[in-house]
Amino acid sequence: MVPDEHDTIPDTTPVTTPPLSSAAGQPHERKKKRKYSKGLKELQQLERTLSKTSNRVAHAVAKGMATYRKRSNESAVKKRDGSLRDLAVNVAAGLGKTLRVLSGVPSDLAKGLNTKGARKRARRQVKVASRIVRPQY
């Protein structure tokens, strides 16, 4: 015998407010801080910046090559010797994709190099350079 819709037992679970959560619906966890030795913090932060930008460069090249291969295959299917006939157009499309993804590299480098230590070092270098350039009376 199949129970009717009217014979179901009502849900009596208490209504509670959900905990604060992130956009994905998961509970928000605090991000752990990185640990550095006293004199090596700036060097490690620079290394993280450079590895991030090199990762972006590699990703950009991969995306551009994928675009080129896809368009080249489509050209080969559409017409005889299509991949050779459309070589310049396909290379241009792949290169355009690469450059679009690469456009974020300068801002990544600028953000990574704009640290307290880097600004302090730049001020020190300008001060030394001004002493060298300044005429002696």
N, C-alpha and C. Protein backbone atom coordinates (compact mmCIF):
# COMPACT_ATOMS: atom_id res chain seq x y z
N MET A 1 0.83 -1.18 0.00
CA MET A 1 0.00 0.00 0.00
C MET A 1 0.88 1.25 0.00
N VAL A 2 0.60 2.19 -0.88
CA VAL A 2 1.36 3.42 -1.01
C VAL A 2 0.72 4.48 -0.14
N PRO A 3 1.54 5.16 0.70
CA PRO A 3 0.94 6.21 1.55
C PRO A 3 0.49 7.41 0.71
N ASP A 4 -0.62 7.99 1.10
CA ASP A 4 -1.13 9.17 0.41
C ASP A 4 -0.34 10.40 0.83
N GLU A 5 -0.48 11.45 0.06
CA GLU A 5 0.20 12.70 0.39
C GLU A 5 -0.31 13.27 1.72
N HIS A 6 -1.55 13.01 2.02
CA HIS A 6 -2.15 13.56 3.24
C HIS A 6 -1.73 12.77 4.48
N ASP A 7 -1.25 11.54 4.32
CA ASP A 7 -0.89 10.71 5.44
C ASP A 7 0.58 10.87 5.89
N THR A 8 1.30 11.79 5.28
CA THR A 8 2.71 11.94 5.65
C THR A 8 2.84 12.61 7.00
N ILE A 9 3.93 12.31 7.68
CA ILE A 9 4.19 12.88 9.00
C ILE A 9 4.82 14.27 8.81
N PRO A 10 4.30 15.29 9.47
CA PRO A 10 4.86 16.64 9.30
C PRO A 10 6.27 16.72 9.89
N ASP A 11 7.10 17.57 9.26
CA ASP A 11 8.47 17.78 9.72
C ASP A 11 8.45 18.67 10.95
N THR A 12 8.98 18.18 12.06
CA THR A 12 8.94 18.94 13.31
C THR A 12 10.34 19.38 13.76
N THR A 13 11.28 19.40 12.84
CA THR A 13 12.63 19.83 13.22
C THR A 13 12.61 21.32 13.52
N PRO A 14 13.34 21.76 14.55
CA PRO A 14 13.33 23.19 14.90
C PRO A 14 14.05 24.01 13.84
N VAL A 15 13.56 25.21 13.62
CA VAL A 15 14.15 26.11 12.63
C VAL A 15 15.29 26.86 13.29
N THR A 16 16.49 26.75 12.71
CA THR A 16 17.64 27.47 13.23
C THR A 16 18.25 28.28 12.10
N THR A 17 18.93 29.33 12.47
CA THR A 17 19.60 30.14 11.46
C THR A 17 20.92 29.47 11.10
N PRO A 18 21.26 29.44 9.83
CA PRO A 18 22.52 28.81 9.43
C PRO A 18 23.71 29.67 9.87
N PRO A 19 24.88 29.06 10.08
CA PRO A 19 26.06 29.84 10.48
C PRO A 19 26.51 30.74 9.34
N LEU A 20 27.29 31.77 9.67
CA LEU A 20 27.83 32.66 8.64
C LEU A 20 28.63 31.83 7.66
N SER A 21 28.42 32.08 6.40
CA SER A 21 29.09 31.26 5.40
C SER A 21 29.61 32.14 4.28
N SER A 22 30.50 31.54 3.50
CA SER A 22 31.06 32.24 2.35
C SER A 22 30.09 32.14 1.18
N ALA A 23 30.51 32.66 0.03
CA ALA A 23 29.65 32.69 -1.15
C ALA A 23 29.32 31.28 -1.64
N ALA A 24 30.19 30.30 -1.39
CA ALA A 24 29.97 28.95 -1.87
C ALA A 24 29.02 28.17 -0.97
N GLY A 25 28.62 28.77 0.15
CA GLY A 25 27.71 28.08 1.05
C GLY A 25 28.41 27.28 2.12
N GLN A 26 29.73 27.27 2.11
CA GLN A 26 30.51 26.56 3.11
C GLN A 26 30.81 27.51 4.27
N PRO A 27 31.00 26.96 5.48
CA PRO A 27 31.37 27.83 6.60
C PRO A 27 32.69 28.53 6.31
N HIS A 28 32.78 29.79 6.69
CA HIS A 28 33.97 30.60 6.39
C HIS A 28 35.10 30.21 7.33
N GLU A 29 36.24 29.84 6.76
CA GLU A 29 37.41 29.52 7.56
C GLU A 29 38.43 30.62 7.40
N ARG A 30 39.09 30.94 8.49
CA ARG A 30 40.11 31.97 8.46
C ARG A 30 41.35 31.46 7.74
N LYS A 31 41.93 32.32 6.91
CA LYS A 31 43.11 31.96 6.14
C LYS A 31 44.33 31.94 7.07
N LYS A 32 45.16 30.91 6.96
CA LYS A 32 46.34 30.82 7.81
C LYS A 32 47.42 31.76 7.31
N LYS A 33 48.15 32.36 8.24
CA LYS A 33 49.24 33.26 7.87
C LYS A 33 50.47 32.45 7.48
N ARG A 34 51.26 32.99 6.58
CA ARG A 34 52.51 32.34 6.20
C ARG A 34 53.57 32.66 7.24
N LYS A 35 54.50 31.73 7.42
CA LYS A 35 55.55 31.91 8.41
C LYS A 35 56.87 32.14 7.69
N TYR A 36 57.61 33.15 8.15
CA TYR A 36 58.87 33.52 7.52
C TYR A 36 59.94 33.67 8.58
N SER A 37 61.20 33.40 8.19
CA SER A 37 62.33 33.76 9.02
C SER A 37 62.49 35.26 8.96
N LYS A 38 63.16 35.83 9.97
CA LYS A 38 63.21 37.28 10.09
C LYS A 38 63.77 37.98 8.85
N GLY A 39 64.90 37.54 8.32
CA GLY A 39 65.50 38.25 7.21
C GLY A 39 65.09 37.77 5.84
N LEU A 40 64.27 36.72 5.76
CA LEU A 40 63.96 36.10 4.48
C LEU A 40 62.54 36.35 3.99
N LYS A 41 61.76 37.12 4.73
CA LYS A 41 60.35 37.33 4.37
C LYS A 41 60.21 37.97 2.99
N GLU A 42 60.95 39.07 2.77
CA GLU A 42 60.83 39.80 1.51
C GLU A 42 61.26 38.95 0.32
N LEU A 43 62.32 38.18 0.50
CA LEU A 43 62.81 37.32 -0.57
C LEU A 43 61.77 36.26 -0.94
N GLN A 44 61.12 35.67 0.08
CA GLN A 44 60.12 34.64 -0.19
C GLN A 44 58.88 35.24 -0.84
N GLN A 45 58.51 36.45 -0.46
CA GLN A 45 57.36 37.10 -1.09
C GLN A 45 57.66 37.42 -2.55
N LEU A 46 58.89 37.83 -2.84
CA LEU A 46 59.30 38.09 -4.22
C LEU A 46 59.26 36.79 -5.02
N GLU A 47 59.71 35.71 -4.42
CA GLU A 47 59.67 34.40 -5.10
C GLU A 47 58.24 33.99 -5.42
N ARG A 48 57.32 34.22 -4.49
CA ARG A 48 55.91 33.88 -4.73
C ARG A 48 55.35 34.71 -5.88
N THR A 49 55.72 35.98 -5.93
CA THR A 49 55.26 36.86 -7.02
C THR A 49 55.80 36.38 -8.36
N LEU A 50 57.09 36.06 -8.41
CA LEU A 50 57.69 35.63 -9.67
C LEU A 50 57.12 34.28 -10.12
N SER A 51 56.87 33.38 -9.19
CA SER A 51 56.29 32.09 -9.59
C SER A 51 54.85 32.26 -10.08
N LYS A 52 54.12 33.20 -9.49
CA LYS A 52 52.75 33.47 -9.94
C LYS A 52 52.75 34.02 -11.36
N THR A 53 53.66 34.96 -11.63
CA THR A 53 53.69 35.54 -12.97
C THR A 53 54.20 34.54 -14.01
N SER A 54 55.18 33.71 -13.63
CA SER A 54 55.64 32.70 -14.59
C SER A 54 54.55 31.67 -14.86
N ASN A 55 53.73 31.38 -13.86
CA ASN A 55 52.60 30.48 -14.05
C ASN A 55 51.60 31.10 -15.03
N ARG A 56 51.38 32.40 -14.91
CA ARG A 56 50.46 33.08 -15.82
C ARG A 56 51.00 33.06 -17.25
N VAL A 57 52.32 33.24 -17.40
CA VAL A 57 52.93 33.21 -18.73
C VAL A 57 52.76 31.83 -19.36
N ALA A 58 53.03 30.78 -18.58
CA ALA A 58 52.89 29.42 -19.11
C ALA A 58 51.43 29.13 -19.48
N HIS A 59 50.51 29.59 -18.65
CA HIS A 59 49.08 29.39 -18.93
C HIS A 59 48.68 30.14 -20.20
N ALA A 60 49.21 31.34 -20.38
CA ALA A 60 48.89 32.14 -21.57
C ALA A 60 49.37 31.45 -22.84
N VAL A 61 50.59 30.93 -22.80
CA VAL A 61 51.13 30.24 -23.97
C VAL A 61 50.30 28.99 -24.28
N ALA A 62 49.92 28.26 -23.24
CA ALA A 62 49.11 27.05 -23.44
C ALA A 62 47.74 27.39 -24.06
N LYS A 63 47.11 28.47 -23.57
CA LYS A 63 45.82 28.86 -24.12
C LYS A 63 45.96 29.29 -25.57
N GLY A 64 47.01 30.04 -25.89
CA GLY A 64 47.23 30.49 -27.26
C GLY A 64 47.48 29.33 -28.20
N MET A 65 48.28 28.36 -27.77
CA MET A 65 48.56 27.19 -28.61
C MET A 65 47.29 26.35 -28.81
N ALA A 66 46.48 26.25 -27.76
CA ALA A 66 45.23 25.49 -27.89
C ALA A 66 44.31 26.17 -28.90
N THR A 67 44.25 27.50 -28.86
CA THR A 67 43.42 28.24 -29.82
C THR A 67 43.93 28.02 -31.24
N TYR A 68 45.26 28.09 -31.41
CA TYR A 68 45.85 27.88 -32.73
C TYR A 68 45.53 26.47 -33.25
N ARG A 69 45.74 25.44 -32.41
CA ARG A 69 45.50 24.05 -32.84
C ARG A 69 44.04 23.83 -33.21
N LYS A 70 43.14 24.38 -32.41
CA LYS A 70 41.71 24.22 -32.68
C LYS A 70 41.33 24.85 -34.02
N ARG A 71 41.79 26.07 -34.25
CA ARG A 71 41.45 26.75 -35.50
C ARG A 71 42.12 26.08 -36.70
N SER A 72 43.33 25.58 -36.49
CA SER A 72 44.04 24.89 -37.57
C SER A 72 43.31 23.61 -37.96
N ASN A 73 42.84 22.87 -36.96
CA ASN A 73 42.07 21.65 -37.25
C ASN A 73 40.78 21.98 -37.98
N GLU A 74 40.10 23.03 -37.55
CA GLU A 74 38.86 23.43 -38.23
C GLU A 74 39.13 23.81 -39.68
N SER A 75 40.24 24.53 -39.92
CA SER A 75 40.59 24.92 -41.29
C SER A 75 40.89 23.69 -42.14
N ALA A 76 41.57 22.70 -41.56
CA ALA A 76 41.93 21.49 -42.30
C ALA A 76 40.69 20.69 -42.68
N VAL A 77 39.67 20.71 -41.83
CA VAL A 77 38.45 19.97 -42.11
C VAL A 77 37.62 20.70 -43.17
N LYS A 78 37.60 22.02 -43.14
CA LYS A 78 36.74 22.79 -44.03
C LYS A 78 37.20 22.77 -45.49
N LYS A 79 38.53 22.84 -45.72
CA LYS A 79 39.00 22.95 -47.11
C LYS A 79 40.34 22.24 -47.27
N ARG A 80 40.64 21.91 -48.51
CA ARG A 80 41.89 21.22 -48.81
C ARG A 80 43.07 22.15 -48.48
N ASP A 81 44.08 21.61 -47.81
CA ASP A 81 45.25 22.36 -47.36
C ASP A 81 44.83 23.58 -46.53
N GLY A 82 43.73 23.44 -45.84
CA GLY A 82 43.18 24.58 -45.09
C GLY A 82 44.08 25.06 -43.98
N SER A 83 44.79 24.13 -43.31
CA SER A 83 45.65 24.56 -42.22
C SER A 83 46.82 25.39 -42.74
N LEU A 84 47.30 25.08 -43.95
CA LEU A 84 48.37 25.89 -44.54
C LEU A 84 47.85 27.20 -45.10
N ARG A 85 46.67 27.14 -45.74
CA ARG A 85 46.11 28.34 -46.34
C ARG A 85 45.75 29.38 -45.28
N ASP A 86 45.28 28.91 -44.11
CA ASP A 86 44.85 29.81 -43.03
C ASP A 86 45.91 29.95 -41.94
N LEU A 87 47.15 29.60 -42.25
CA LEU A 87 48.21 29.61 -41.23
C LEU A 87 48.34 30.97 -40.57
N ALA A 88 48.43 32.03 -41.34
CA ALA A 88 48.63 33.36 -40.78
C ALA A 88 47.46 33.78 -39.89
N VAL A 89 46.25 33.49 -40.34
CA VAL A 89 45.05 33.87 -39.57
C VAL A 89 44.99 33.08 -38.28
N ASN A 90 45.30 31.78 -38.34
CA ASN A 90 45.26 30.94 -37.15
C ASN A 90 46.35 31.31 -36.15
N VAL A 91 47.54 31.61 -36.65
CA VAL A 91 48.63 32.04 -35.76
C VAL A 91 48.26 33.36 -35.09
N ALA A 92 47.67 34.27 -35.85
CA ALA A 92 47.27 35.55 -35.29
C ALA A 92 46.22 35.37 -34.20
N ALA A 93 45.28 34.46 -34.40
CA ALA A 93 44.25 34.21 -33.38
C ALA A 93 44.88 33.64 -32.12
N GLY A 94 45.80 32.69 -32.28
CA GLY A 94 46.47 32.10 -31.11
C GLY A 94 47.32 33.12 -30.38
N LEU A 95 48.03 33.95 -31.13
CA LEU A 95 48.86 34.98 -30.52
C LEU A 95 48.01 36.02 -29.80
N GLY A 96 46.87 36.36 -30.38
CA GLY A 96 45.96 37.30 -29.73
C GLY A 96 45.47 36.77 -28.40
N LYS A 97 45.14 35.49 -28.37
CA LYS A 97 44.68 34.87 -27.12
C LYS A 97 45.81 34.90 -26.09
N THR A 98 47.03 34.59 -26.52
CA THR A 98 48.17 34.60 -25.61
C THR A 98 48.37 35.99 -25.01
N LEU A 99 48.30 37.02 -25.85
CA LEU A 99 48.53 38.38 -25.37
C LEU A 99 47.42 38.85 -24.43
N ARG A 100 46.19 38.42 -24.68
CA ARG A 100 45.10 38.79 -23.77
C ARG A 100 45.32 38.22 -22.39
N VAL A 101 45.76 36.96 -22.33
CA VAL A 101 45.99 36.35 -21.02
C VAL A 101 47.25 36.94 -20.38
N LEU A 102 48.24 37.28 -21.18
CA LEU A 102 49.49 37.86 -20.67
C LEU A 102 49.31 39.28 -20.14
N SER A 103 48.23 39.93 -20.48
CA SER A 103 48.07 41.33 -20.10
C SER A 103 48.04 41.54 -18.58
N GLY A 104 47.79 40.49 -17.82
CA GLY A 104 47.78 40.61 -16.36
C GLY A 104 49.14 40.55 -15.71
N VAL A 105 50.18 40.17 -16.46
CA VAL A 105 51.51 40.01 -15.88
C VAL A 105 52.07 41.31 -15.31
N PRO A 106 52.03 42.44 -16.01
CA PRO A 106 52.59 43.66 -15.41
C PRO A 106 51.92 44.06 -14.10
N SER A 107 50.61 43.91 -14.01
CA SER A 107 49.95 44.28 -12.76
C SER A 107 50.31 43.29 -11.65
N ASP A 108 50.47 42.01 -11.97
CA ASP A 108 50.91 41.04 -10.96
C ASP A 108 52.29 41.42 -10.42
N LEU A 109 53.19 41.77 -11.32
CA LEU A 109 54.54 42.17 -10.88
C LEU A 109 54.49 43.45 -10.05
N ALA A 110 53.71 44.42 -10.48
CA ALA A 110 53.63 45.68 -9.74
C ALA A 110 53.07 45.47 -8.35
N LYS A 111 52.04 44.65 -8.22
CA LYS A 111 51.46 44.37 -6.91
C LYS A 111 52.46 43.64 -6.02
N GLY A 112 53.18 42.69 -6.61
CA GLY A 112 54.12 41.91 -5.83
C GLY A 112 55.34 42.69 -5.40
N LEU A 113 55.75 43.66 -6.20
CA LEU A 113 56.93 44.44 -5.86
C LEU A 113 56.61 45.68 -5.05
N ASN A 114 55.35 45.98 -4.87
CA ASN A 114 54.93 47.15 -4.09
C ASN A 114 54.75 46.75 -2.62
N THR A 115 55.85 46.40 -1.99
CA THR A 115 55.80 46.00 -0.59
C THR A 115 56.50 47.05 0.26
N LYS A 116 56.33 46.95 1.56
CA LYS A 116 56.95 47.90 2.48
C LYS A 116 58.46 47.88 2.33
N GLY A 117 59.05 46.69 2.25
CA GLY A 117 60.50 46.58 2.13
C GLY A 117 61.02 47.15 0.83
N ALA A 118 60.28 46.92 -0.26
CA ALA A 118 60.71 47.43 -1.56
C ALA A 118 60.65 48.95 -1.59
N ARG A 119 59.61 49.54 -1.00
CA ARG A 119 59.51 51.00 -0.96
C ARG A 119 60.63 51.59 -0.10
N LYS A 120 60.93 50.93 1.01
CA LYS A 120 62.01 51.39 1.89
C LYS A 120 63.35 51.35 1.16
N ARG A 121 63.59 50.27 0.44
CA ARG A 121 64.83 50.12 -0.32
C ARG A 121 64.93 51.19 -1.42
N ALA A 122 63.82 51.48 -2.08
CA ALA A 122 63.82 52.49 -3.13
C ALA A 122 64.13 53.87 -2.55
N ARG A 123 63.55 54.21 -1.39
CA ARG A 123 63.84 55.49 -0.75
C ARG A 123 65.33 55.60 -0.40
N ARG A 124 65.89 54.51 0.11
CA ARG A 124 67.30 54.50 0.47
C ARG A 124 68.18 54.71 -0.77
N GLN A 125 67.82 54.06 -1.88
CA GLN A 125 68.61 54.20 -3.10
C GLN A 125 68.51 55.61 -3.67
N VAL A 126 67.32 56.23 -3.60
CA VAL A 126 67.17 57.60 -4.08
C VAL A 126 67.99 58.56 -3.21
N LYS A 127 67.99 58.32 -1.92
CA LYS A 127 68.77 59.16 -1.01
C LYS A 127 70.26 59.07 -1.33
N VAL A 128 70.78 57.87 -1.56
CA VAL A 128 72.19 57.69 -1.89
C VAL A 128 72.50 58.34 -3.24
N ALA A 129 71.62 58.15 -4.21
CA ALA A 129 71.83 58.73 -5.54
C ALA A 129 71.82 60.25 -5.48
N SER A 130 70.96 60.84 -4.65
CA SER A 130 70.91 62.30 -4.56
C SER A 130 72.19 62.85 -3.92
N ARG A 131 72.78 62.11 -3.00
CA ARG A 131 74.05 62.54 -2.41
C ARG A 131 75.16 62.53 -3.45
N ILE A 132 75.15 61.56 -4.34
CA ILE A 132 76.18 61.46 -5.37
C ILE A 132 76.03 62.58 -6.39
N VAL A 133 74.81 62.89 -6.77
CA VAL A 133 74.54 63.88 -7.80
C VAL A 133 74.69 65.30 -7.27
N ARG A 134 74.38 65.52 -6.00
CA ARG A 134 74.39 66.85 -5.40
C ARG A 134 75.80 67.46 -5.44
N PRO A 135 75.91 68.71 -5.86
CA PRO A 135 77.24 69.34 -5.92
C PRO A 135 77.79 69.61 -4.51
N GLN A 136 79.08 69.48 -4.34
CA GLN A 136 79.74 69.73 -3.08
C GLN A 136 80.16 71.21 -3.02
N TYR A 137 79.83 71.91 -1.93
CA TYR A 137 80.23 73.32 -1.79
C TYR A 137 81.36 73.44 -0.81
